[in-house]
Amino acid sequence: MIAHGVKHGRSLPDTAGWFRSIGFRQSRLQAQASAVAEIGSGALLVAGAATPLAAAAVIGTMGVAARPVHAANGSDAPDATEHLFTTTWRTVL
């Protein structure tokens, strides 16, 4: 999560453009929020601090990604959805 957030943070214009292309209306704001949430939740998980909050942020981030990105790319098949949530669950653990 930290690396993904840093990537988003270092390329905010590109991330915002990509978010806009998948239908996000406030793409710049959402790119910034995504970077902060990913870096923050990853750091909290690594530190073992505020684990329920950090885990909720990871699940929320993956939930947002599931609809416009993964479902649009054919990942709405039961196996793919199960994989997405299993991967998220393992990340949280």
Protein backbone atom coordinates (compact mmCIF):
# COMPACT_ATOMS: atom_id res chain seq x y z
CA MET A 1 0.00 0.00 0.00
CA ILE A 2 2.78 2.42 0.83
CA ALA A 3 4.52 1.92 -2.52
CA HIS A 4 1.27 2.28 -4.41
CA GLY A 5 0.44 5.48 -2.54
CA VAL A 6 3.90 6.91 -3.17
CA LYS A 7 3.49 6.12 -6.87
CA HIS A 8 0.17 7.98 -6.91
CA GLY A 9 1.66 10.88 -4.96
CA ARG A 10 4.66 11.28 -7.25
CA SER A 11 2.50 11.32 -10.37
CA LEU A 12 -0.62 13.21 -9.25
CA PRO A 13 -1.43 14.69 -12.70
CA ASP A 14 -1.19 11.25 -14.31
CA THR A 15 -3.14 9.60 -11.51
CA ALA A 16 -5.82 12.30 -11.68
CA GLY A 17 -6.06 11.84 -15.45
CA TRP A 18 -6.43 8.11 -15.05
CA PHE A 19 -9.06 8.57 -12.35
CA ARG A 20 -10.94 10.92 -14.68
CA SER A 21 -10.76 8.35 -17.48
CA ILE A 22 -12.47 5.72 -15.31
CA GLY A 23 -15.27 8.08 -14.34
CA PHE A 24 -14.17 9.83 -11.15
CA ARG A 25 -15.56 13.37 -11.11
CA GLN A 26 -13.20 15.05 -8.64
CA SER A 27 -10.15 13.31 -10.05
CA ARG A 28 -7.44 15.60 -8.61
CA LEU A 29 -8.91 15.52 -5.11
CA GLN A 30 -9.48 11.78 -5.32
CA ALA A 31 -5.91 11.18 -6.50
CA GLN A 32 -4.59 13.13 -3.52
CA ALA A 33 -6.93 11.31 -1.12
CA SER A 34 -5.91 7.98 -2.60
CA ALA A 35 -2.21 8.69 -2.11
CA VAL A 36 -2.73 9.83 1.48
CA ALA A 37 -4.99 6.88 2.35
CA GLU A 38 -2.66 4.32 0.80
CA ILE A 39 0.52 5.69 2.39
CA GLY A 40 -1.18 6.28 5.74
CA SER A 41 -2.92 2.92 5.97
CA GLY A 42 0.21 1.06 4.85
CA ALA A 43 2.37 2.86 7.39
CA LEU A 44 -0.11 2.21 10.18
CA LEU A 45 -0.28 -1.49 9.30
CA VAL A 46 3.51 -1.80 9.22
CA ALA A 47 3.74 -0.04 12.58
CA GLY A 48 0.92 -2.12 14.03
CA ALA A 49 -0.85 1.08 15.09
CA ALA A 50 -4.57 1.78 14.76
CA THR A 51 -4.86 -1.55 12.98
CA PRO A 52 -8.69 -1.55 12.67
CA LEU A 53 -8.63 1.92 11.12
CA ALA A 54 -5.73 1.04 8.81
CA ALA A 55 -7.42 -2.20 7.76
CA ALA A 56 -10.66 -0.35 7.05
CA ALA A 57 -8.75 2.11 4.85
CA VAL A 58 -7.16 -0.74 2.89
CA ILE A 59 -10.53 -2.45 2.43
CA GLY A 60 -12.13 0.84 1.40
CA THR A 61 -9.39 1.51 -1.15
CA MET A 62 -9.75 -1.96 -2.63
CA GLY A 63 -13.53 -1.64 -2.63
CA VAL A 64 -13.33 1.56 -4.63
CA ALA A 65 -10.93 -0.12 -7.07
CA ALA A 66 -13.19 -3.15 -7.45
CA ARG A 67 -16.04 -1.36 -9.14
CA PRO A 68 -14.67 1.00 -11.80
CA VAL A 69 -11.38 -0.77 -12.50
CA HIS A 70 -11.63 -4.48 -11.92
CA ALA A 71 -15.29 -4.96 -12.84
CA ALA A 72 -14.83 -2.89 -16.02
CA ASN A 73 -11.90 -5.08 -17.06
CA GLY A 74 -13.80 -8.32 -16.83
CA SER A 75 -12.81 -9.03 -13.25
CA ASP A 76 -16.41 -9.27 -12.14
CA ALA A 77 -16.32 -13.02 -12.62
CA PRO A 78 -16.79 -14.85 -9.31
CA ASP A 79 -13.20 -16.16 -9.26
CA ALA A 80 -11.72 -12.72 -9.96
CA THR A 81 -13.87 -11.01 -7.32
CA GLU A 82 -12.95 -13.71 -4.83
CA HIS A 83 -9.27 -13.20 -5.68
CA LEU A 84 -9.55 -9.42 -5.18
CA PHE A 85 -11.13 -9.76 -1.76
CA THR A 86 -8.87 -12.63 -0.71
CA THR A 87 -5.83 -10.55 -1.63
CA THR A 88 -7.23 -7.60 0.30
CA TRP A 89 -7.94 -9.80 3.30
CA ARG A 90 -4.41 -11.18 3.27
CA THR A 91 -3.01 -7.67 3.06
CA VAL A 92 -4.99 -6.70 6.13
CA LEU A 93 -3.81 -9.75 8.05
